[in-house]
């Protein structure tokens, strides 16, 4: 069971801390403050709103749901914020989030990964919380990357230097 826990936690770290957060920071660095807070219409969110939303979601689902932190999330406020405030504040939010995520992941036991937990009114377990956090973060990271590519007409080169056409064989083949 500990081996499963270790593999799951390593994958959560890789996807969240090693991929998504650096990609968002890279995107933020490409944008002006005005571009970060741009909303094409009232039914769309700005990049700034998405960063606030991601921080709120991870705090509620992972830090509170599995880490025992107090859940004081004000979800609607994440979308109502109009900024503009400096990029450095959003980056600081992400950095602080990563620090706290690392603390929770380091202490997460195999039992906690399996135990039932209620988050945002949903009945979950540790595995489903971890999967939710990674897929939700990745989803919005993709939206942010799309916006940067559209707005700036740049290649983010998230996989720069990696041959993505390489064909590998599974050890099960």
N, C-alpha and C. Protein backbone atom coordinates (compact mmCIF):
# COMPACT_ATOMS: atom_id res chain seq x y z
N UNK A 1 0.81 -1.20 0.00
CA UNK A 1 0.00 0.00 0.00
C UNK A 1 0.86 1.27 0.00
N UNK A 2 1.96 1.25 0.72
CA UNK A 2 2.84 2.42 0.75
C UNK A 2 3.46 2.67 -0.61
N UNK A 3 3.70 1.59 -1.37
CA UNK A 3 4.26 1.77 -2.71
C UNK A 3 3.27 2.51 -3.61
N UNK A 4 1.99 2.15 -3.52
CA UNK A 4 0.96 2.86 -4.28
C UNK A 4 0.91 4.32 -3.86
N UNK A 5 0.90 4.58 -2.57
CA UNK A 5 0.88 5.94 -2.05
C UNK A 5 2.06 6.74 -2.59
N UNK A 6 3.23 6.15 -2.53
CA UNK A 6 4.44 6.84 -3.00
C UNK A 6 4.37 7.16 -4.49
N UNK A 7 3.88 6.22 -5.29
CA UNK A 7 3.74 6.46 -6.73
C UNK A 7 2.71 7.55 -7.01
N UNK A 8 1.59 7.50 -6.30
CA UNK A 8 0.54 8.49 -6.49
C UNK A 8 1.03 9.89 -6.12
N UNK A 9 1.67 10.01 -4.98
CA UNK A 9 2.18 11.31 -4.51
C UNK A 9 3.24 11.84 -5.47
N UNK A 10 4.11 10.97 -5.95
CA UNK A 10 5.15 11.40 -6.90
C UNK A 10 4.52 11.93 -8.18
N UNK A 11 3.47 11.29 -8.63
CA UNK A 11 2.80 11.73 -9.86
C UNK A 11 2.07 13.05 -9.64
N UNK A 12 1.43 13.21 -8.49
CA UNK A 12 0.77 14.48 -8.17
C UNK A 12 1.81 15.60 -8.15
N UNK A 13 2.95 15.36 -7.51
CA UNK A 13 4.02 16.37 -7.47
C UNK A 13 4.49 16.71 -8.89
N UNK A 14 4.71 15.69 -9.69
CA UNK A 14 5.22 15.91 -11.05
C UNK A 14 4.25 16.76 -11.86
N UNK A 15 2.98 16.40 -11.83
CA UNK A 15 1.99 17.09 -12.65
C UNK A 15 1.66 18.48 -12.13
N UNK A 16 1.54 18.61 -10.84
CA UNK A 16 1.13 19.89 -10.25
C UNK A 16 2.32 20.83 -10.06
N UNK A 17 3.30 20.37 -9.30
CA UNK A 17 4.44 21.22 -8.93
C UNK A 17 5.48 21.30 -10.04
N UNK A 18 5.71 20.19 -10.72
CA UNK A 18 6.77 20.15 -11.74
C UNK A 18 6.34 20.62 -13.11
N UNK A 19 5.05 20.52 -13.42
CA UNK A 19 4.58 20.91 -14.75
C UNK A 19 3.64 22.12 -14.72
N UNK A 20 2.50 21.99 -14.09
CA UNK A 20 1.46 23.02 -14.21
C UNK A 20 1.86 24.37 -13.61
N UNK A 21 2.37 24.38 -12.39
CA UNK A 21 2.73 25.66 -11.77
C UNK A 21 3.82 26.37 -12.59
N UNK A 22 4.90 25.70 -12.99
CA UNK A 22 5.89 26.40 -13.82
C UNK A 22 5.31 26.89 -15.15
N UNK A 23 4.40 26.17 -15.73
CA UNK A 23 3.78 26.60 -16.99
C UNK A 23 2.95 27.86 -16.78
N UNK A 24 2.21 27.90 -15.70
CA UNK A 24 1.42 29.11 -15.41
C UNK A 24 2.35 30.29 -15.18
N UNK A 25 3.42 30.09 -14.43
CA UNK A 25 4.38 31.19 -14.19
C UNK A 25 5.00 31.66 -15.50
N UNK A 26 5.32 30.73 -16.37
CA UNK A 26 5.86 31.09 -17.68
C UNK A 26 4.86 31.92 -18.47
N UNK A 27 3.60 31.52 -18.43
CA UNK A 27 2.56 32.28 -19.12
C UNK A 27 2.39 33.66 -18.52
N UNK A 28 2.37 33.76 -17.20
CA UNK A 28 2.23 35.05 -16.55
C UNK A 28 3.35 36.00 -16.95
N UNK A 29 4.55 35.46 -17.11
CA UNK A 29 5.70 36.28 -17.48
C UNK A 29 5.57 36.86 -18.88
N UNK A 30 4.77 36.24 -19.71
CA UNK A 30 4.57 36.71 -21.09
C UNK A 30 3.53 37.82 -21.19
N UNK A 31 2.72 37.99 -20.15
CA UNK A 31 1.58 38.89 -20.22
C UNK A 31 1.80 40.17 -19.43
N UNK A 32 1.18 41.24 -19.90
CA UNK A 32 1.13 42.47 -19.13
C UNK A 32 0.05 42.32 -18.06
N UNK A 33 0.05 43.22 -17.10
CA UNK A 33 -0.99 43.21 -16.07
C UNK A 33 -2.37 43.33 -16.69
N UNK A 34 -2.48 44.19 -17.69
CA UNK A 34 -3.78 44.37 -18.35
C UNK A 34 -4.22 43.09 -19.04
N UNK A 35 -3.30 42.39 -19.67
CA UNK A 35 -3.64 41.13 -20.34
C UNK A 35 -4.03 40.06 -19.34
N UNK A 36 -3.38 40.03 -18.19
CA UNK A 36 -3.69 39.04 -17.15
C UNK A 36 -5.12 39.22 -16.65
N UNK A 37 -5.60 40.46 -16.62
CA UNK A 37 -6.92 40.72 -16.07
C UNK A 37 -7.98 40.96 -17.14
N UNK A 38 -7.62 40.75 -18.40
CA UNK A 38 -8.56 40.91 -19.51
C UNK A 38 -9.64 39.83 -19.47
N UNK A 39 -10.89 40.26 -19.63
CA UNK A 39 -12.04 39.35 -19.72
C UNK A 39 -12.76 39.65 -21.03
N UNK A 40 -12.84 38.70 -21.94
CA UNK A 40 -13.49 38.96 -23.22
C UNK A 40 -14.98 39.23 -23.09
N UNK A 41 -15.59 38.70 -22.03
CA UNK A 41 -17.01 38.93 -21.78
C UNK A 41 -17.31 38.56 -20.33
N UNK A 42 -18.52 38.80 -19.91
CA UNK A 42 -18.88 38.55 -18.50
C UNK A 42 -18.98 37.06 -18.16
N UNK A 43 -19.02 36.20 -19.15
CA UNK A 43 -19.09 34.77 -18.89
C UNK A 43 -17.73 34.08 -18.98
N UNK A 44 -16.69 34.87 -19.15
CA UNK A 44 -15.34 34.33 -19.23
C UNK A 44 -14.51 34.88 -18.08
N UNK A 45 -13.49 34.14 -17.72
CA UNK A 45 -12.60 34.56 -16.64
C UNK A 45 -11.28 35.05 -17.19
N UNK A 46 -10.67 35.94 -16.47
CA UNK A 46 -9.33 36.39 -16.83
C UNK A 46 -8.32 35.36 -16.33
N UNK A 47 -7.10 35.46 -16.82
CA UNK A 47 -6.02 34.61 -16.33
C UNK A 47 -5.84 34.84 -14.83
N UNK A 48 -5.93 36.09 -14.40
CA UNK A 48 -5.82 36.39 -12.96
C UNK A 48 -6.88 35.66 -12.15
N UNK A 49 -8.12 35.66 -12.65
CA UNK A 49 -9.19 34.93 -11.97
C UNK A 49 -8.89 33.43 -11.92
N UNK A 50 -8.36 32.89 -13.01
CA UNK A 50 -8.06 31.46 -13.04
C UNK A 50 -6.98 31.09 -12.03
N UNK A 51 -5.97 31.94 -11.88
CA UNK A 51 -4.92 31.67 -10.90
C UNK A 51 -5.51 31.70 -9.49
N UNK A 52 -6.32 32.70 -9.19
CA UNK A 52 -6.96 32.76 -7.88
C UNK A 52 -7.86 31.55 -7.64
N UNK A 53 -8.58 31.16 -8.68
CA UNK A 53 -9.47 30.01 -8.60
C UNK A 53 -8.69 28.72 -8.34
N UNK A 54 -7.58 28.54 -9.02
CA UNK A 54 -6.77 27.34 -8.81
C UNK A 54 -6.23 27.29 -7.38
N UNK A 55 -5.75 28.42 -6.89
CA UNK A 55 -5.25 28.46 -5.52
C UNK A 55 -6.36 28.12 -4.53
N UNK A 56 -7.55 28.68 -4.74
CA UNK A 56 -8.68 28.39 -3.86
C UNK A 56 -9.09 26.94 -3.91
N UNK A 57 -9.12 26.38 -5.11
CA UNK A 57 -9.53 24.99 -5.28
C UNK A 57 -8.56 24.03 -4.59
N UNK A 58 -7.27 24.24 -4.78
CA UNK A 58 -6.28 23.35 -4.15
C UNK A 58 -6.31 23.50 -2.64
N UNK A 59 -6.49 24.72 -2.17
CA UNK A 59 -6.57 24.92 -0.72
C UNK A 59 -7.78 24.17 -0.14
N UNK A 60 -8.91 24.24 -0.83
CA UNK A 60 -10.10 23.58 -0.32
C UNK A 60 -10.00 22.06 -0.44
N UNK A 61 -9.63 21.57 -1.60
CA UNK A 61 -9.65 20.13 -1.84
C UNK A 61 -8.47 19.40 -1.20
N UNK A 62 -7.29 19.90 -1.39
CA UNK A 62 -6.11 19.18 -0.90
C UNK A 62 -5.70 19.62 0.50
N UNK A 63 -5.50 20.92 0.69
CA UNK A 63 -5.00 21.38 1.98
C UNK A 63 -6.04 21.19 3.08
N UNK A 64 -7.29 21.52 2.81
CA UNK A 64 -8.35 21.32 3.81
C UNK A 64 -8.84 19.88 3.79
N UNK A 65 -9.14 19.37 2.59
CA UNK A 65 -9.72 18.03 2.48
C UNK A 65 -8.84 16.93 3.00
N UNK A 66 -7.56 17.01 2.72
CA UNK A 66 -6.64 15.95 3.17
C UNK A 66 -5.64 16.42 4.22
N UNK A 67 -5.36 17.71 4.25
CA UNK A 67 -4.32 18.21 5.14
C UNK A 67 -4.81 18.77 6.46
N UNK A 68 -6.13 18.85 6.63
CA UNK A 68 -6.66 19.32 7.90
C UNK A 68 -6.68 20.82 8.07
N UNK A 69 -6.35 21.59 7.03
CA UNK A 69 -6.41 23.05 7.11
C UNK A 69 -7.87 23.48 7.22
N UNK A 70 -8.09 24.65 7.80
CA UNK A 70 -9.43 25.22 7.87
C UNK A 70 -9.88 25.61 6.47
N UNK A 71 -11.11 25.25 6.14
CA UNK A 71 -11.68 25.60 4.82
C UNK A 71 -12.37 26.95 4.95
N UNK A 72 -11.69 27.99 4.48
CA UNK A 72 -12.29 29.33 4.51
C UNK A 72 -12.40 29.90 3.10
N UNK A 73 -12.59 29.03 2.13
CA UNK A 73 -12.66 29.44 0.74
C UNK A 73 -13.91 30.27 0.47
N UNK A 74 -13.71 31.32 -0.32
CA UNK A 74 -14.81 32.14 -0.82
C UNK A 74 -14.74 32.04 -2.35
N UNK A 75 -15.27 30.95 -2.87
CA UNK A 75 -15.12 30.59 -4.28
C UNK A 75 -15.58 31.70 -5.23
N UNK A 76 -16.72 32.27 -4.98
CA UNK A 76 -17.26 33.28 -5.88
C UNK A 76 -16.34 34.50 -5.97
N UNK A 77 -15.66 34.81 -4.88
CA UNK A 77 -14.73 35.95 -4.87
C UNK A 77 -13.59 35.74 -5.88
N UNK A 78 -13.19 34.49 -6.08
CA UNK A 78 -12.12 34.19 -7.05
C UNK A 78 -12.50 34.67 -8.45
N UNK A 79 -13.77 34.63 -8.78
CA UNK A 79 -14.26 35.03 -10.10
C UNK A 79 -14.68 36.49 -10.16
N UNK A 80 -15.03 37.06 -9.03
CA UNK A 80 -15.48 38.46 -8.99
C UNK A 80 -14.31 39.44 -8.98
N UNK A 81 -13.14 39.00 -8.56
CA UNK A 81 -11.97 39.88 -8.51
C UNK A 81 -11.69 40.45 -9.89
N UNK A 82 -11.46 41.73 -9.95
CA UNK A 82 -11.17 42.38 -11.23
C UNK A 82 -9.75 42.94 -11.29
N UNK A 83 -8.99 42.78 -10.17
CA UNK A 83 -7.63 43.32 -10.20
C UNK A 83 -7.70 44.79 -10.54
N UNK A 84 -6.81 45.29 -11.29
CA UNK A 84 -5.58 44.56 -11.57
C UNK A 84 -4.60 44.74 -10.42
N UNK A 85 -3.95 43.67 -10.06
CA UNK A 85 -2.82 43.80 -9.16
C UNK A 85 -1.63 43.12 -9.81
N UNK A 86 -0.44 43.43 -9.35
CA UNK A 86 0.77 43.00 -10.05
C UNK A 86 0.90 41.48 -10.18
N UNK A 87 1.57 41.10 -11.23
CA UNK A 87 1.86 39.69 -11.50
C UNK A 87 2.56 39.05 -10.31
N UNK A 88 3.43 39.80 -9.66
CA UNK A 88 4.21 39.26 -8.55
C UNK A 88 3.31 38.73 -7.44
N UNK A 89 2.15 39.31 -7.26
CA UNK A 89 1.23 38.82 -6.23
C UNK A 89 0.67 37.45 -6.62
N UNK A 90 0.32 37.28 -7.88
CA UNK A 90 -0.17 35.97 -8.35
C UNK A 90 0.93 34.92 -8.23
N UNK A 91 2.13 35.28 -8.60
CA UNK A 91 3.27 34.34 -8.49
C UNK A 91 3.50 33.98 -7.02
N UNK A 92 3.41 34.96 -6.13
CA UNK A 92 3.57 34.69 -4.70
C UNK A 92 2.49 33.73 -4.21
N UNK A 93 1.24 33.92 -4.67
CA UNK A 93 0.16 32.99 -4.30
C UNK A 93 0.51 31.57 -4.73
N UNK A 94 1.02 31.42 -5.95
CA UNK A 94 1.40 30.10 -6.45
C UNK A 94 2.55 29.51 -5.64
N UNK A 95 3.55 30.32 -5.33
CA UNK A 95 4.70 29.83 -4.54
C UNK A 95 4.27 29.39 -3.15
N UNK A 96 3.43 30.18 -2.51
CA UNK A 96 2.93 29.82 -1.18
C UNK A 96 2.09 28.55 -1.24
N UNK A 97 1.31 28.42 -2.29
CA UNK A 97 0.49 27.22 -2.47
C UNK A 97 1.38 25.98 -2.59
N UNK A 98 2.41 26.07 -3.40
CA UNK A 98 3.32 24.93 -3.59
C UNK A 98 3.97 24.53 -2.27
N UNK A 99 4.40 25.50 -1.48
CA UNK A 99 4.99 25.19 -0.17
C UNK A 99 4.03 24.40 0.70
N UNK A 100 2.79 24.84 0.75
CA UNK A 100 1.80 24.17 1.58
C UNK A 100 1.42 22.80 1.02
N UNK A 101 1.31 22.70 -0.29
CA UNK A 101 1.02 21.42 -0.93
C UNK A 101 2.12 20.42 -0.59
N UNK A 102 3.37 20.85 -0.69
CA UNK A 102 4.49 19.96 -0.38
C UNK A 102 4.41 19.45 1.05
N UNK A 103 4.05 20.31 1.99
CA UNK A 103 3.93 19.89 3.39
C UNK A 103 2.85 18.82 3.55
N UNK A 104 1.70 19.02 2.91
CA UNK A 104 0.61 18.06 3.04
C UNK A 104 0.98 16.74 2.36
N UNK A 105 1.54 16.81 1.16
CA UNK A 105 1.91 15.58 0.46
C UNK A 105 2.96 14.78 1.23
N UNK A 106 3.88 15.47 1.88
CA UNK A 106 4.95 14.78 2.63
C UNK A 106 4.39 14.01 3.81
N UNK A 107 3.29 14.47 4.40
CA UNK A 107 2.72 13.83 5.58
C UNK A 107 1.56 12.89 5.26
N UNK A 108 1.12 12.86 4.02
CA UNK A 108 -0.05 12.07 3.65
C UNK A 108 0.25 10.58 3.79
N UNK A 109 -0.57 9.89 4.54
CA UNK A 109 -0.37 8.46 4.76
C UNK A 109 -1.18 7.63 3.76
N UNK A 110 -0.83 6.36 3.66
CA UNK A 110 -1.57 5.45 2.79
C UNK A 110 -3.03 5.36 3.24
N UNK A 111 -3.28 5.41 4.54
CA UNK A 111 -4.63 5.35 5.06
C UNK A 111 -5.44 6.58 4.64
N UNK A 112 -4.80 7.75 4.68
CA UNK A 112 -5.49 8.98 4.27
C UNK A 112 -5.85 8.97 2.79
N UNK A 113 -5.02 8.32 2.01
CA UNK A 113 -5.28 8.24 0.57
C UNK A 113 -6.55 7.44 0.30
N UNK A 114 -6.88 6.53 1.19
CA UNK A 114 -8.06 5.68 1.01
C UNK A 114 -9.29 6.14 1.79
N UNK A 115 -9.11 6.95 2.81
CA UNK A 115 -10.24 7.28 3.68
C UNK A 115 -11.24 8.22 3.02
N UNK A 116 -12.51 8.08 3.38
CA UNK A 116 -13.54 8.97 2.86
C UNK A 116 -13.37 10.38 3.45
N UNK A 117 -13.73 11.36 2.65
CA UNK A 117 -13.65 12.74 3.08
C UNK A 117 -14.71 13.53 2.31
N UNK A 118 -15.30 14.52 2.98
CA UNK A 118 -16.26 15.38 2.29
C UNK A 118 -15.57 16.69 1.93
N UNK A 119 -15.65 17.05 0.65
CA UNK A 119 -15.05 18.29 0.18
C UNK A 119 -16.08 18.99 -0.71
N UNK A 120 -16.34 20.24 -0.41
CA UNK A 120 -17.25 21.06 -1.20
C UNK A 120 -18.62 20.39 -1.36
N UNK A 121 -19.01 19.62 -0.34
CA UNK A 121 -20.29 18.93 -0.37
C UNK A 121 -20.27 17.59 -1.08
N UNK A 122 -19.11 17.20 -1.62
CA UNK A 122 -18.99 15.92 -2.32
C UNK A 122 -18.36 14.87 -1.41
N UNK A 123 -18.84 13.64 -1.53
CA UNK A 123 -18.24 12.52 -0.81
C UNK A 123 -17.11 11.97 -1.66
N UNK A 124 -15.90 12.05 -1.17
CA UNK A 124 -14.71 11.67 -1.92
C UNK A 124 -13.85 10.73 -1.09
N UNK A 125 -12.69 10.40 -1.61
CA UNK A 125 -11.64 9.73 -0.85
C UNK A 125 -10.33 10.40 -1.25
N UNK A 126 -9.26 10.03 -0.60
CA UNK A 126 -7.98 10.69 -0.87
C UNK A 126 -7.54 10.57 -2.31
N UNK A 127 -7.73 9.41 -2.92
CA UNK A 127 -7.35 9.23 -4.32
C UNK A 127 -8.15 10.18 -5.21
N UNK A 128 -9.45 10.23 -5.01
CA UNK A 128 -10.28 11.09 -5.86
C UNK A 128 -9.95 12.57 -5.65
N UNK A 129 -9.60 12.96 -4.44
CA UNK A 129 -9.19 14.35 -4.18
C UNK A 129 -7.92 14.66 -4.96
N UNK A 130 -6.94 13.78 -4.90
CA UNK A 130 -5.67 14.01 -5.59
C UNK A 130 -5.86 14.05 -7.11
N UNK A 131 -6.66 13.14 -7.63
CA UNK A 131 -6.93 13.13 -9.07
C UNK A 131 -7.67 14.41 -9.47
N UNK A 132 -8.66 14.79 -8.69
CA UNK A 132 -9.41 16.03 -8.98
C UNK A 132 -8.48 17.24 -9.03
N UNK A 133 -7.62 17.37 -8.04
CA UNK A 133 -6.74 18.54 -7.97
C UNK A 133 -5.83 18.60 -9.19
N UNK A 134 -5.26 17.47 -9.57
CA UNK A 134 -4.35 17.46 -10.72
C UNK A 134 -5.10 17.75 -12.02
N UNK A 135 -6.23 17.09 -12.24
CA UNK A 135 -6.93 17.29 -13.51
C UNK A 135 -7.53 18.69 -13.58
N UNK A 136 -8.03 19.21 -12.50
CA UNK A 136 -8.60 20.56 -12.49
C UNK A 136 -7.51 21.60 -12.74
N UNK A 137 -6.37 21.44 -12.10
CA UNK A 137 -5.25 22.37 -12.28
C UNK A 137 -4.76 22.32 -13.73
N UNK A 138 -4.65 21.11 -14.26
CA UNK A 138 -4.19 20.95 -15.64
C UNK A 138 -5.17 21.57 -16.64
N UNK A 139 -6.44 21.39 -16.40
CA UNK A 139 -7.49 21.95 -17.26
C UNK A 139 -7.34 23.46 -17.39
N UNK A 140 -7.23 24.14 -16.25
CA UNK A 140 -7.11 25.59 -16.28
C UNK A 140 -5.73 26.05 -16.75
N UNK A 141 -4.71 25.26 -16.51
CA UNK A 141 -3.39 25.58 -17.05
C UNK A 141 -3.46 25.60 -18.57
N UNK A 142 -4.17 24.67 -19.16
CA UNK A 142 -4.36 24.65 -20.61
C UNK A 142 -5.11 25.87 -21.11
N UNK A 143 -6.11 26.31 -20.36
CA UNK A 143 -6.83 27.53 -20.76
C UNK A 143 -5.89 28.74 -20.74
N UNK A 144 -5.06 28.83 -19.72
CA UNK A 144 -4.12 29.94 -19.61
C UNK A 144 -3.12 29.89 -20.75
N UNK A 145 -2.60 28.71 -21.07
CA UNK A 145 -1.64 28.57 -22.17
C UNK A 145 -2.29 28.93 -23.50
N UNK A 146 -3.52 28.51 -23.70
CA UNK A 146 -4.22 28.85 -24.93
C UNK A 146 -4.36 30.37 -25.08
N UNK A 147 -4.72 31.03 -24.00
CA UNK A 147 -4.87 32.48 -24.03
C UNK A 147 -3.55 33.16 -24.40
N UNK A 148 -2.46 32.70 -23.80
CA UNK A 148 -1.14 33.29 -24.10
C UNK A 148 -0.78 33.07 -25.56
N UNK A 149 -1.01 31.87 -26.06
CA UNK A 149 -0.71 31.60 -27.47
C UNK A 149 -1.56 32.46 -28.40
N UNK A 150 -2.83 32.62 -28.05
CA UNK A 150 -3.73 33.45 -28.85
C UNK A 150 -3.33 34.92 -28.78
N UNK A 151 -3.09 35.40 -27.58
CA UNK A 151 -2.83 36.82 -27.38
C UNK A 151 -1.46 37.24 -27.91
N UNK A 152 -0.45 36.38 -27.72
CA UNK A 152 0.92 36.75 -28.04
C UNK A 152 1.47 36.08 -29.30
N UNK A 153 0.74 35.12 -29.85
CA UNK A 153 1.20 34.37 -31.02
C UNK A 153 2.60 33.81 -30.80
N UNK A 154 2.75 33.09 -29.67
CA UNK A 154 4.04 32.48 -29.34
C UNK A 154 3.88 30.99 -29.10
N UNK A 155 4.98 30.28 -29.24
CA UNK A 155 5.04 28.88 -28.89
C UNK A 155 5.57 28.82 -27.47
N UNK A 156 4.79 28.30 -26.55
CA UNK A 156 5.23 28.22 -25.16
C UNK A 156 6.35 27.21 -24.96
N UNK A 157 6.53 26.30 -25.92
CA UNK A 157 7.62 25.31 -25.89
C UNK A 157 7.67 24.56 -24.55
N UNK A 158 6.52 24.18 -24.04
CA UNK A 158 6.49 23.43 -22.79
C UNK A 158 7.31 22.14 -22.88
N UNK A 159 7.40 21.58 -24.07
CA UNK A 159 8.15 20.35 -24.25
C UNK A 159 9.42 20.59 -25.06
N UNK A 160 9.91 21.81 -25.03
CA UNK A 160 11.10 22.16 -25.79
C UNK A 160 12.26 21.19 -25.54
N UNK A 161 12.86 20.73 -26.60
CA UNK A 161 14.01 19.84 -26.49
C UNK A 161 13.67 18.37 -26.28
N UNK A 162 12.39 18.06 -26.20
CA UNK A 162 11.98 16.66 -26.02
C UNK A 162 11.39 16.15 -27.32
N UNK A 163 11.84 15.00 -27.76
CA UNK A 163 11.32 14.40 -28.98
C UNK A 163 9.99 13.73 -28.66
N UNK A 164 8.91 14.42 -28.98
CA UNK A 164 7.58 13.87 -28.68
C UNK A 164 7.11 12.86 -29.72
N UNK A 165 7.91 12.67 -30.77
CA UNK A 165 7.59 11.65 -31.76
C UNK A 165 8.27 10.32 -31.45
N UNK A 166 9.04 10.28 -30.36
CA UNK A 166 9.71 9.04 -29.99
C UNK A 166 8.67 7.98 -29.66
N UNK A 167 8.91 6.79 -30.10
CA UNK A 167 7.99 5.70 -29.86
C UNK A 167 8.66 4.74 -28.89
N UNK A 168 7.99 4.50 -27.79
CA UNK A 168 8.54 3.59 -26.79
C UNK A 168 7.71 2.35 -26.69
N UNK A 169 8.26 1.37 -26.05
CA UNK A 169 7.55 0.11 -25.83
C UNK A 169 7.24 -0.04 -24.36
N UNK A 170 6.05 -0.48 -24.08
CA UNK A 170 5.67 -0.77 -22.71
C UNK A 170 6.39 -2.04 -22.28
N UNK A 171 6.70 -2.13 -21.00
CA UNK A 171 7.31 -3.35 -20.49
C UNK A 171 6.33 -4.52 -20.54
N UNK A 172 5.05 -4.21 -20.86
CA UNK A 172 4.04 -5.25 -20.94
C UNK A 172 3.87 -5.77 -22.37
N UNK A 173 4.56 -5.14 -23.34
CA UNK A 173 4.46 -5.58 -24.74
C UNK A 173 5.11 -6.92 -24.95
